Amino acid sequence: MLKVHVVAPSEMLKDIPAADLPEKDAEFWHAVAAELQNLITYACAAEEPEIVMWPYHKADSQYIWEFYVNDLALPVRDAHNWHGQNVSQWKYAGAIVLQGGKVSRHH
């Protein structure tokens, strides 16, 4: 069964000061739509998929929405990235970053 934990679109830009919002609103929503499509694509290839896209967290001047697809059928191993996240079940992961009005995607 597919598990989904995704921040509501109405909450994604909530509480971000106007000066920090994307310069081009469409670029932000295109990035969100593209990553949601990627999440769904990777989830379709997993035995027990879990899709996660967190609400943003702020790091200095960056607003960061992290996302990933887990395959919960894979064993949990001692496999961590340099952020300390256990990646043993990951099929796909990344982040959308908003900084200085510019939107970027990272994988």
PDB file of N, CA and C in Angstrom:
ATOM      1  N   MET A   1       0.845  -1.187   0.000  1.00  0.00           N
ATOM      2  CA  MET A   1       0.000   0.000   0.000  1.00  0.00           C
ATOM      3  C   MET A   1       0.886   1.245   0.000  1.00  0.00           C
ATOM      4  N   LEU A   2       0.555   2.185  -0.832  1.00  0.00           N
ATOM      5  CA  LEU A   2       1.283   3.441  -0.937  1.00  0.00           C
ATOM      6  C   LEU A   2       1.009   4.311   0.292  1.00  0.00           C
ATOM      7  N   LYS A   3       2.094   4.808   0.908  1.00  0.00           N
ATOM      8  CA  LYS A   3       1.970   5.770   2.005  1.00  0.00           C
ATOM      9  C   LYS A   3       2.428   7.123   1.475  1.00  0.00           C
ATOM     10  N   VAL A   4       1.659   8.167   1.776  1.00  0.00           N
ATOM     11  CA  VAL A   4       1.971   9.508   1.275  1.00  0.00           C
ATOM     12  C   VAL A   4       1.920  10.504   2.421  1.00  0.00           C
ATOM     13  N   HIS A   5       2.993  11.266   2.549  1.00  0.00           N
ATOM     14  CA  HIS A   5       3.090  12.338   3.541  1.00  0.00           C
ATOM     15  C   HIS A   5       3.639  13.556   2.793  1.00  0.00           C
ATOM     16  N   VAL A   6       2.739  14.398   2.289  1.00  0.00           N
ATOM     17  CA  VAL A   6       3.144  15.538   1.471  1.00  0.00           C
ATOM     18  C   VAL A   6       2.513  16.802   2.025  1.00  0.00           C
ATOM     19  N   VAL A   7       3.321  17.836   2.155  1.00  0.00           N
ATOM     20  CA  VAL A   7       2.809  19.124   2.616  1.00  0.00           C
ATOM     21  C   VAL A   7       1.756  19.622   1.626  1.00  0.00           C
ATOM     22  N   ALA A   8       0.691  20.193   2.149  1.00  0.00           N
ATOM     23  CA  ALA A   8      -0.373  20.736   1.292  1.00  0.00           C
ATOM     24  C   ALA A   8       0.171  21.936   0.512  1.00  0.00           C
ATOM     25  N   PRO A   9      -0.149  22.031  -0.771  1.00  0.00           N
ATOM     26  CA  PRO A   9       0.323  23.183  -1.551  1.00  0.00           C
ATOM     27  C   PRO A   9      -0.023  24.523  -0.902  1.00  0.00           C
ATOM     28  N   SER A  10      -1.189  24.614  -0.287  1.00  0.00           N
ATOM     29  CA  SER A  10      -1.576  25.873   0.357  1.00  0.00           C
ATOM     30  C   SER A  10      -0.665  26.246   1.519  1.00  0.00           C
ATOM     31  N   GLU A  11       0.088  25.300   2.027  1.00  0.00           N
ATOM     32  CA  GLU A  11       0.995  25.550   3.162  1.00  0.00           C
ATOM     33  C   GLU A  11       2.439  25.798   2.724  1.00  0.00           C
ATOM     34  N   MET A  12       2.748  25.540   1.461  1.00  0.00           N
ATOM     35  CA  MET A  12       4.146  25.553   1.032  1.00  0.00           C
ATOM     36  C   MET A  12       4.801  26.922   1.141  1.00  0.00           C
ATOM     37  N   LEU A  13       4.108  27.972   0.773  1.00  0.00           N
ATOM     38  CA  LEU A  13       4.682  29.322   0.816  1.00  0.00           C
ATOM     39  C   LEU A  13       4.128  30.147   1.977  1.00  0.00           C
ATOM     40  N   LYS A  14       3.289  29.511   2.778  1.00  0.00           N
ATOM     41  CA  LYS A  14       2.681  30.189   3.923  1.00  0.00           C
ATOM     42  C   LYS A  14       3.775  30.645   4.893  1.00  0.00           C
ATOM     43  N   ASP A  15       3.622  31.829   5.398  1.00  0.00           N
ATOM     44  CA  ASP A  15       4.510  32.393   6.425  1.00  0.00           C
ATOM     45  C   ASP A  15       5.871  32.831   5.890  1.00  0.00           C
ATOM     46  N   ILE A  16       6.113  32.734   4.582  1.00  0.00           N
ATOM     47  CA  ILE A  16       7.368  33.248   4.028  1.00  0.00           C
ATOM     48  C   ILE A  16       7.158  34.732   3.739  1.00  0.00           C
ATOM     49  N   PRO A  17       8.045  35.579   4.245  1.00  0.00           N
ATOM     50  CA  PRO A  17       7.882  37.018   4.003  1.00  0.00           C
ATOM     51  C   PRO A  17       7.837  37.336   2.505  1.00  0.00           C
ATOM     52  N   ALA A  18       7.067  38.356   2.138  1.00  0.00           N
ATOM     53  CA  ALA A  18       6.899  38.725   0.729  1.00  0.00           C
ATOM     54  C   ALA A  18       8.240  38.956   0.036  1.00  0.00           C
ATOM     55  N   ALA A  19       9.201  39.531   0.734  1.00  0.00           N
ATOM     56  CA  ALA A  19      10.517  39.808   0.135  1.00  0.00           C
ATOM     57  C   ALA A  19      11.276  38.529  -0.217  1.00  0.00           C
ATOM     58  N   ASP A  20      10.913  37.406   0.398  1.00  0.00           N
ATOM     59  CA  ASP A  20      11.611  36.139   0.153  1.00  0.00           C
ATOM     60  C   ASP A  20      10.879  35.210  -0.813  1.00  0.00           C
ATOM     61  N   LEU A  21       9.678  35.584  -1.233  1.00  0.00           N
ATOM     62  CA  LEU A  21       8.895  34.726  -2.132  1.00  0.00           C
ATOM     63  C   LEU A  21       9.567  34.608  -3.495  1.00  0.00           C
ATOM     64  N   PRO A  22       9.212  33.567  -4.262  1.00  0.00           N
ATOM     65  CA  PRO A  22       9.823  33.396  -5.583  1.00  0.00           C
ATOM     66  C   PRO A  22       9.573  34.602  -6.484  1.00  0.00           C
ATOM     67  N   GLU A  23      10.613  34.998  -7.240  1.00  0.00           N
ATOM     68  CA  GLU A  23      10.455  36.090  -8.198  1.00  0.00           C
ATOM     69  C   GLU A  23       9.442  35.719  -9.266  1.00  0.00           C
ATOM     70  N   LYS A  24       9.493  34.458  -9.688  1.00  0.00           N
ATOM     71  CA  LYS A  24       8.562  33.947 -10.693  1.00  0.00           C
ATOM     72  C   LYS A  24       7.790  32.802 -10.067  1.00  0.00           C
ATOM     73  N   ASP A  25       6.567  33.098  -9.690  1.00  0.00           N
ATOM     74  CA  ASP A  25       5.713  32.122  -9.014  1.00  0.00           C
ATOM     75  C   ASP A  25       5.615  30.816  -9.802  1.00  0.00           C
ATOM     76  N   ALA A  26       5.500  30.923 -11.111  1.00  0.00           N
ATOM     77  CA  ALA A  26       5.347  29.729 -11.950  1.00  0.00           C
ATOM     78  C   ALA A  26       6.565  28.802 -11.851  1.00  0.00           C
ATOM     79  N   GLU A  27       7.756  29.358 -11.690  1.00  0.00           N
ATOM     80  CA  GLU A  27       8.958  28.520 -11.572  1.00  0.00           C
ATOM     81  C   GLU A  27       8.901  27.645 -10.325  1.00  0.00           C
ATOM     82  N   PHE A  28       8.422  28.216  -9.236  1.00  0.00           N
ATOM     83  CA  PHE A  28       8.300  27.436  -8.001  1.00  0.00           C
ATOM     84  C   PHE A  28       7.307  26.291  -8.201  1.00  0.00           C
ATOM     85  N   TRP A  29       6.130  26.606  -8.726  1.00  0.00           N
ATOM     86  CA  TRP A  29       5.099  25.577  -8.886  1.00  0.00           C
ATOM     87  C   TRP A  29       5.484  24.548  -9.945  1.00  0.00           C
ATOM     88  N   HIS A  30       6.247  24.947 -10.943  1.00  0.00           N
ATOM     89  CA  HIS A  30       6.756  23.976 -11.917  1.00  0.00           C
ATOM     90  C   HIS A  30       7.710  23.003 -11.217  1.00  0.00           C
ATOM     91  N   ALA A  31       8.580  23.517 -10.365  1.00  0.00           N
ATOM     92  CA  ALA A  31       9.507  22.654  -9.620  1.00  0.00           C
ATOM     93  C   ALA A  31       8.746  21.679  -8.731  1.00  0.00           C
ATOM     94  N   VAL A  32       7.720  22.167  -8.051  1.00  0.00           N
ATOM     95  CA  VAL A  32       6.911  21.297  -7.185  1.00  0.00           C
ATOM     96  C   VAL A  32       6.233  20.216  -8.020  1.00  0.00           C
ATOM     97  N   ALA A  33       5.616  20.601  -9.127  1.00  0.00           N
ATOM     98  CA  ALA A  33       4.918  19.627  -9.978  1.00  0.00           C
ATOM     99  C   ALA A  33       5.893  18.595 -10.539  1.00  0.00           C
ATOM    100  N   ALA A  34       7.058  19.039 -10.983  1.00  0.00           N
ATOM    101  CA  ALA A  34       8.052  18.114 -11.541  1.00  0.00           C
ATOM    102  C   ALA A  34       8.529  17.123 -10.491  1.00  0.00           C
ATOM    103  N   GLU A  35       8.761  17.601  -9.283  1.00  0.00           N
ATOM    104  CA  GLU A  35       9.236  16.690  -8.232  1.00  0.00           C
ATOM    105  C   GLU A  35       8.132  15.747  -7.774  1.00  0.00           C
ATOM    106  N   LEU A  36       6.899  16.216  -7.722  1.00  0.00           N
ATOM    107  CA  LEU A  36       5.800  15.301  -7.379  1.00  0.00           C
ATOM    108  C   LEU A  36       5.684  14.202  -8.429  1.00  0.00           C
ATOM    109  N   GLN A  37       5.865  14.563  -9.699  1.00  0.00           N
ATOM    110  CA  GLN A  37       5.840  13.554 -10.760  1.00  0.00           C
ATOM    111  C   GLN A  37       6.972  12.548 -10.570  1.00  0.00           C
ATOM    112  N   ASN A  38       8.178  13.032 -10.258  1.00  0.00           N
ATOM    113  CA  ASN A  38       9.310  12.133 -10.003  1.00  0.00           C
ATOM    114  C   ASN A  38       9.034  11.220  -8.816  1.00  0.00           C
ATOM    115  N   LEU A  39       8.461  11.771  -7.765  1.00  0.00           N
ATOM    116  CA  LEU A  39       8.142  10.963  -6.583  1.00  0.00           C
ATOM    117  C   LEU A  39       7.174   9.843  -6.944  1.00  0.00           C
ATOM    118  N   ILE A  40       6.168  10.168  -7.716  1.00  0.00           N
ATOM    119  CA  ILE A  40       5.189   9.158  -8.120  1.00  0.00           C
ATOM    120  C   ILE A  40       5.845   8.108  -9.011  1.00  0.00           C
ATOM    121  N   THR A  41       6.675   8.547  -9.942  1.00  0.00           N
ATOM    122  CA  THR A  41       7.358   7.610 -10.849  1.00  0.00           C
ATOM    123  C   THR A  41       8.213   6.622 -10.065  1.00  0.00           C
ATOM    124  N   TYR A  42       9.011   7.119  -9.136  1.00  0.00           N
ATOM    125  CA  TYR A  42       9.866   6.228  -8.341  1.00  0.00           C
ATOM    126  C   TYR A  42       9.044   5.349  -7.408  1.00  0.00           C
ATOM    127  N   ALA A  43       7.950   5.873  -6.885  1.00  0.00           N
ATOM    128  CA  ALA A  43       7.091   5.077  -6.005  1.00  0.00           C
ATOM    129  C   ALA A  43       6.483   3.897  -6.757  1.00  0.00           C
ATOM    130  N   CYS A  44       6.182   4.092  -8.033  1.00  0.00           N
ATOM    131  CA  CYS A  44       5.600   3.008  -8.832  1.00  0.00           C
ATOM    132  C   CYS A  44       6.569   1.844  -9.006  1.00  0.00           C
ATOM    133  N   ALA A  45       7.860   2.107  -8.846  1.00  0.00           N
ATOM    134  CA  ALA A  45       8.865   1.055  -9.000  1.00  0.00           C
ATOM    135  C   ALA A  45       9.224   0.393  -7.668  1.00  0.00           C
ATOM    136  N   ALA A  46       8.611   0.846  -6.575  1.00  0.00           N
ATOM    137  CA  ALA A  46       8.909   0.292  -5.248  1.00  0.00           C
ATOM    138  C   ALA A  46       7.870  -0.752  -4.860  1.00  0.00           C
ATOM    139  N   GLU A  47       8.306  -1.720  -4.069  1.00  0.00           N
ATOM    140  CA  GLU A  47       7.391  -2.763  -3.601  1.00  0.00           C
ATOM    141  C   GLU A  47       6.410  -2.234  -2.553  1.00  0.00           C
ATOM    142  N   GLU A  48       6.942  -1.489  -1.576  1.00  0.00           N
ATOM    143  CA  GLU A  48       6.123  -0.860  -0.529  1.00  0.00           C
ATOM    144  C   GLU A  48       6.489   0.622  -0.457  1.00  0.00           C
ATOM    145  N   PRO A  49       5.946   1.437  -1.373  1.00  0.00           N
ATOM    146  CA  PRO A  49       6.391   2.825  -1.486  1.00  0.00           C
ATOM    147  C   PRO A  49       5.865   3.757  -0.394  1.00  0.00           C
ATOM    148  N   GLU A  50       6.710   4.694  -0.073  1.00  0.00           N
ATOM    149  CA  GLU A  50       6.351   5.792   0.829  1.00  0.00           C
ATOM    150  C   GLU A  50       6.875   7.076   0.204  1.00  0.00           C
ATOM    151  N   ILE A  51       5.988   8.031  -0.027  1.00  0.00           N
ATOM    152  CA  ILE A  51       6.350   9.333  -0.579  1.00  0.00           C
ATOM    153  C   ILE A  51       6.297  10.360   0.540  1.00  0.00           C
ATOM    154  N   VAL A  52       7.364  11.160   0.652  1.00  0.00           N
ATOM    155  CA  VAL A  52       7.421  12.193   1.693  1.00  0.00           C
ATOM    156  C   VAL A  52       7.911  13.500   1.072  1.00  0.00           C
ATOM    157  N   MET A  53       7.196  14.588   1.338  1.00  0.00           N
ATOM    158  CA  MET A  53       7.666  15.939   1.031  1.00  0.00           C
ATOM    159  C   MET A  53       7.342  16.786   2.254  1.00  0.00           C
ATOM    160  N   TRP A  54       8.384  17.217   2.944  1.00  0.00           N
ATOM    161  CA  TRP A  54       8.227  17.951   4.198  1.00  0.00           C
ATOM    162  C   TRP A  54       7.876  19.413   3.961  1.00  0.00           C
ATOM    163  N   PRO A  55       7.231  20.062   4.939  1.00  0.00           N
ATOM    164  CA  PRO A  55       7.133  21.521   4.900  1.00  0.00           C
ATOM    165  C   PRO A  55       8.549  22.104   4.905  1.00  0.00           C
ATOM    166  N   TYR A  56       8.686  23.338   4.475  1.00  0.00           N
ATOM    167  CA  TYR A  56      10.033  23.908   4.409  1.00  0.00           C
ATOM    168  C   TYR A  56      10.660  24.045   5.791  1.00  0.00           C
ATOM    169  N   HIS A  57      11.975  24.015   5.781  1.00  0.00           N
ATOM    170  CA  HIS A  57      12.726  24.473   6.937  1.00  0.00           C
ATOM    171  C   HIS A  57      13.665  25.561   6.425  1.00  0.00           C
ATOM    172  N   LYS A  58      14.062  26.434   7.296  1.00  0.00           N
ATOM    173  CA  LYS A  58      14.894  27.569   6.905  1.00  0.00           C
ATOM    174  C   LYS A  58      16.315  27.337   7.380  1.00  0.00           C
ATOM    175  N   ALA A  59      17.250  27.584   6.479  1.00  0.00           N
ATOM    176  CA  ALA A  59      18.678  27.518   6.795  1.00  0.00           C
ATOM    177  C   ALA A  59      19.312  28.799   6.261  1.00  0.00           C
ATOM    178  N   ASP A  60      19.658  29.690   7.154  1.00  0.00           N
ATOM    179  CA  ASP A  60      20.147  31.021   6.783  1.00  0.00           C
ATOM    180  C   ASP A  60      19.107  31.687   5.887  1.00  0.00           C
ATOM    181  N   SER A  61      19.454  31.997   4.647  1.00  0.00           N
ATOM    182  CA  SER A  61      18.514  32.684   3.749  1.00  0.00           C
ATOM    183  C   SER A  61      17.784  31.713   2.819  1.00  0.00           C
ATOM    184  N   GLN A  62      17.943  30.417   3.049  1.00  0.00           N
ATOM    185  CA  GLN A  62      17.309  29.416   2.193  1.00  0.00           C
ATOM    186  C   GLN A  62      16.053  28.836   2.842  1.00  0.00           C
ATOM    187  N   TYR A  63      15.050  28.605   1.995  1.00  0.00           N
ATOM    188  CA  TYR A  63      13.861  27.857   2.388  1.00  0.00           C
ATOM    189  C   TYR A  63      13.975  26.533   1.645  1.00  0.00           C
ATOM    190  N   ILE A  64      13.909  25.420   2.371  1.00  0.00           N
ATOM    191  CA  ILE A  64      14.214  24.111   1.796  1.00  0.00           C
ATOM    192  C   ILE A  64      13.056  23.151   2.041  1.00  0.00           C
ATOM    193  N   TRP A  65      12.532  22.582   0.944  1.00  0.00           N
ATOM    194  CA  TRP A  65      11.500  21.544   1.002  1.00  0.00           C
ATOM    195  C   TRP A  65      12.182  20.241   0.624  1.00  0.00           C
ATOM    196  N   GLU A  66      12.391  19.355   1.587  1.00  0.00           N
ATOM    197  CA  GLU A  66      13.032  18.071   1.313  1.00  0.00           C
ATOM    198  C   GLU A  66      11.980  17.031   0.958  1.00  0.00           C
ATOM    199  N   PHE A  67      12.360  16.084   0.103  1.00  0.00           N
ATOM    200  CA  PHE A  67      11.441  15.037  -0.326  1.00  0.00           C
ATOM    201  C   PHE A  67      12.221  13.752  -0.572  1.00  0.00           C
ATOM    202  N   TYR A  68      11.504  12.630  -0.531  1.00  0.00           N
ATOM    203  CA  TYR A  68      12.115  11.348  -0.862  1.00  0.00           C
ATOM    204  C   TYR A  68      11.043  10.292  -1.089  1.00  0.00           C
ATOM    205  N   VAL A  69      11.467   9.208  -1.726  1.00  0.00           N
ATOM    206  CA  VAL A  69      10.653   8.000  -1.863  1.00  0.00           C
ATOM    207  C   VAL A  69      11.422   6.889  -1.182  1.00  0.00           C
ATOM    208  N   ASN A  70      10.781   6.223  -0.253  1.00  0.00           N
ATOM    209  CA  ASN A  70      11.330   5.031   0.388  1.00  0.00           C
ATOM    210  C   ASN A  70      10.670   3.796  -0.200  1.00  0.00           C
ATOM    211  N   ASP A  71      11.402   2.695  -0.201  1.00  0.00           N
ATOM    212  CA  ASP A  71      10.787   1.391  -0.425  1.00  0.00           C
ATOM    213  C   ASP A  71      10.866   0.673   0.911  1.00  0.00           C
ATOM    214  N   LEU A  72       9.749   0.637   1.623  1.00  0.00           N
ATOM    215  CA  LEU A  72       9.718   0.074   2.970  1.00  0.00           C
ATOM    216  C   LEU A  72       9.935  -1.433   2.982  1.00  0.00           C
ATOM    217  N   ALA A  73       9.929  -2.063   1.800  1.00  0.00           N
ATOM    218  CA  ALA A  73      10.219  -3.497   1.713  1.00  0.00           C
ATOM    219  C   ALA A  73      11.717  -3.770   1.822  1.00  0.00           C
ATOM    220  N   LEU A  74      12.539  -2.750   1.605  1.00  0.00           N
ATOM    221  CA  LEU A  74      13.991  -2.920   1.715  1.00  0.00           C
ATOM    222  C   LEU A  74      14.396  -2.928   3.187  1.00  0.00           C
ATOM    223  N   PRO A  75      15.410  -3.706   3.533  1.00  0.00           N
ATOM    224  CA  PRO A  75      15.851  -3.722   4.928  1.00  0.00           C
ATOM    225  C   PRO A  75      16.502  -2.398   5.325  1.00  0.00           C
ATOM    226  N   VAL A  76      16.294  -2.020   6.566  1.00  0.00           N
ATOM    227  CA  VAL A  76      16.968  -0.839   7.099  1.00  0.00           C
ATOM    228  C   VAL A  76      18.385  -1.261   7.466  1.00  0.00           C
ATOM    229  N   ARG A  77      19.354  -0.586   6.868  1.00  0.00           N
ATOM    230  CA  ARG A  77      20.765  -0.873   7.121  1.00  0.00           C
ATOM    231  C   ARG A  77      21.427   0.369   7.711  1.00  0.00           C
ATOM    232  N   ASP A  78      22.653   0.236   8.084  1.00  0.00           N
ATOM    233  CA  ASP A  78      23.432   1.364   8.575  1.00  0.00           C
ATOM    234  C   ASP A  78      24.042   2.082   7.372  1.00  0.00           C
ATOM    235  N   ALA A  79      23.212   2.877   6.690  1.00  0.00           N
ATOM    236  CA  ALA A  79      23.639   3.609   5.504  1.00  0.00           C
ATOM    237  C   ALA A  79      23.158   5.047   5.644  1.00  0.00           C
ATOM    238  N   HIS A  80      24.097   5.951   5.870  1.00  0.00           N
ATOM    239  CA  HIS A  80      23.752   7.351   6.128  1.00  0.00           C
ATOM    240  C   HIS A  80      24.486   8.275   5.162  1.00  0.00           C
ATOM    241  N   ASN A  81      23.826   9.379   4.801  1.00  0.00           N
ATOM    242  CA  ASN A  81      24.490  10.399   4.004  1.00  0.00           C
ATOM    243  C   ASN A  81      25.169  11.401   4.936  1.00  0.00           C
ATOM    244  N   TRP A  82      25.795  12.404   4.366  1.00  0.00           N
ATOM    245  CA  TRP A  82      26.548  13.343   5.202  1.00  0.00           C
ATOM    246  C   TRP A  82      25.649  14.248   6.033  1.00  0.00           C
ATOM    247  N   HIS A  83      24.334  14.206   5.818  1.00  0.00           N
ATOM    248  CA  HIS A  83      23.376  14.923   6.668  1.00  0.00           C
ATOM    249  C   HIS A  83      22.949  14.058   7.858  1.00  0.00           C
ATOM    250  N   GLY A  84      23.401  12.792   7.881  1.00  0.00           N
ATOM    251  CA  GLY A  84      23.023  11.885   8.952  1.00  0.00           C
ATOM    252  C   GLY A  84      21.711  11.165   8.709  1.00  0.00           C
ATOM    253  N   GLN A  85      21.152  11.299   7.504  1.00  0.00           N
ATOM    254  CA  GLN A  85      19.879  10.654   7.175  1.00  0.00           C
ATOM    255  C   GLN A  85      20.135   9.203   6.760  1.00  0.00           C
ATOM    256  N   ASN A  86      19.301   8.297   7.269  1.00  0.00           N
ATOM    257  CA  ASN A  86      19.424   6.904   6.849  1.00  0.00           C
ATOM    258  C   ASN A  86      18.828   6.788   5.452  1.00  0.00           C
ATOM    259  N   VAL A  87      19.644   6.346   4.502  1.00  0.00           N
ATOM    260  CA  VAL A  87      19.243   6.300   3.096  1.00  0.00           C
ATOM    261  C   VAL A  87      19.062   4.870   2.586  1.00  0.00           C
ATOM    262  N   SER A  88      19.034   3.911   3.477  1.00  0.00           N
ATOM    263  CA  SER A  88      19.012   2.507   3.066  1.00  0.00           C
ATOM    264  C   SER A  88      17.738   2.108   2.313  1.00  0.00           C
ATOM    265  N   GLN A  89      16.654   2.852   2.510  1.00  0.00           N
ATOM    266  CA  GLN A  89      15.399   2.519   1.818  1.00  0.00           C
ATOM    267  C   GLN A  89      15.059   3.523   0.714  1.00  0.00           C
ATOM    268  N   TRP A  90      15.897   4.533   0.540  1.00  0.00           N
ATOM    269  CA  TRP A  90      15.615   5.573  -0.442  1.00  0.00           C
ATOM    270  C   TRP A  90      15.677   5.036  -1.859  1.00  0.00           C
ATOM    271  N   LYS A  91      14.720   5.466  -2.680  1.00  0.00           N
ATOM    272  CA  LYS A  91      14.732   5.207  -4.116  1.00  0.00           C
ATOM    273  C   LYS A  91      15.028   6.508  -4.876  1.00  0.00           C
ATOM    274  N   TYR A  92      14.651   7.638  -4.273  1.00  0.00           N
ATOM    275  CA  TYR A  92      14.820   8.954  -4.892  1.00  0.00           C
ATOM    276  C   TYR A  92      14.725   9.983  -3.783  1.00  0.00           C
ATOM    277  N   ALA A  93      15.529  11.035  -3.874  1.00  0.00           N
ATOM    278  CA  ALA A  93      15.487  12.065  -2.834  1.00  0.00           C
ATOM    279  C   ALA A  93      16.063  13.369  -3.376  1.00  0.00           C
ATOM    280  N   GLY A  94      15.692  14.447  -2.715  1.00  0.00           N
ATOM    281  CA  GLY A  94      16.230  15.742  -3.089  1.00  0.00           C
ATOM    282  C   GLY A  94      15.551  16.859  -2.332  1.00  0.00           C
ATOM    283  N   ALA A  95      15.663  18.064  -2.891  1.00  0.00           N
ATOM    284  CA  ALA A  95      15.082  19.236  -2.238  1.00  0.00           C
ATOM    285  C   ALA A  95      14.794  20.319  -3.274  1.00  0.00           C
ATOM    286  N   ILE A  96      13.793  21.098  -2.975  1.00  0.00           N
ATOM    287  CA  ILE A  96      13.532  22.346  -3.695  1.00  0.00           C
ATOM    288  C   ILE A  96      14.031  23.448  -2.772  1.00  0.00           C
ATOM    289  N   VAL A  97      14.819  24.351  -3.321  1.00  0.00           N
ATOM    290  CA  VAL A  97      15.413  25.421  -2.519  1.00  0.00           C
ATOM    291  C   VAL A  97      14.982  26.767  -3.087  1.00  0.00           C
ATOM    292  N   LEU A  98      14.566  27.645  -2.203  1.00  0.00           N
ATOM    293  CA  LEU A  98      14.218  29.022  -2.539  1.00  0.00           C
ATOM    294  C   LEU A  98      15.195  29.922  -1.803  1.00  0.00           C
ATOM    295  N   GLN A  99      15.931  30.726  -2.570  1.00  0.00           N
ATOM    296  CA  GLN A  99      16.903  31.636  -1.960  1.00  0.00           C
ATOM    297  C   GLN A  99      16.991  32.890  -2.819  1.00  0.00           C
ATOM    298  N   GLY A 100      16.783  34.022  -2.181  1.00  0.00           N
ATOM    299  CA  GLY A 100      16.877  35.281  -2.908  1.00  0.00           C
ATOM    300  C   GLY A 100      15.890  35.376  -4.070  1.00  0.00           C
ATOM    301  N   GLY A 101      14.732  34.729  -3.908  1.00  0.00           N
ATOM    302  CA  GLY A 101      13.720  34.767  -4.942  1.00  0.00           C
ATOM    303  C   GLY A 101      13.923  33.757  -6.056  1.00  0.00           C
ATOM    304  N   LYS A 102      15.047  33.054  -6.053  1.00  0.00           N
ATOM    305  CA  LYS A 102      15.371  32.058  -7.084  1.00  0.00           C
ATOM    306  C   LYS A 102      15.030  30.669  -6.591  1.00  0.00           C
ATOM    307  N   VAL A 103      14.524  29.821  -7.496  1.00  0.00           N
ATOM    308  CA  VAL A 103      14.130  28.456  -7.185  1.00  0.00           C
ATOM    309  C   VAL A 103      15.114  27.490  -7.841  1.00  0.00           C
ATOM    310  N   SER A 104      15.568  26.495  -7.083  1.00  0.00           N
ATOM    311  CA  SER A 104      16.436  25.468  -7.644  1.00  0.00           C
ATOM    312  C   SER A 104      16.032  24.104  -7.094  1.00  0.00           C
ATOM    313  N   ARG A 105      16.413  23.080  -7.845  1.00  0.00           N
ATOM    314  CA  ARG A 105      16.121  21.702  -7.455  1.00  0.00           C
ATOM    315  C   ARG A 105      17.447  20.974  -7.275  1.00  0.00           C
ATOM    316  N   HIS A 106      17.518  20.140  -6.216  1.00  0.00           N
ATOM    317  CA  HIS A 106      18.763  19.440  -5.881  1.00  0.00           C
ATOM    318  C   HIS A 106      18.459  17.969  -5.639  1.00  0.00           C
ATOM    319  N   HIS A 107      19.352  17.106  -6.146  1.00  0.00           N
ATOM    320  CA  HIS A 107      19.176  15.654  -5.989  1.00  0.00           C
ATOM    321  C   HIS A 107      20.474  15.027  -5.522  1.00  0.00           C
TER     322      HIS A 107
END
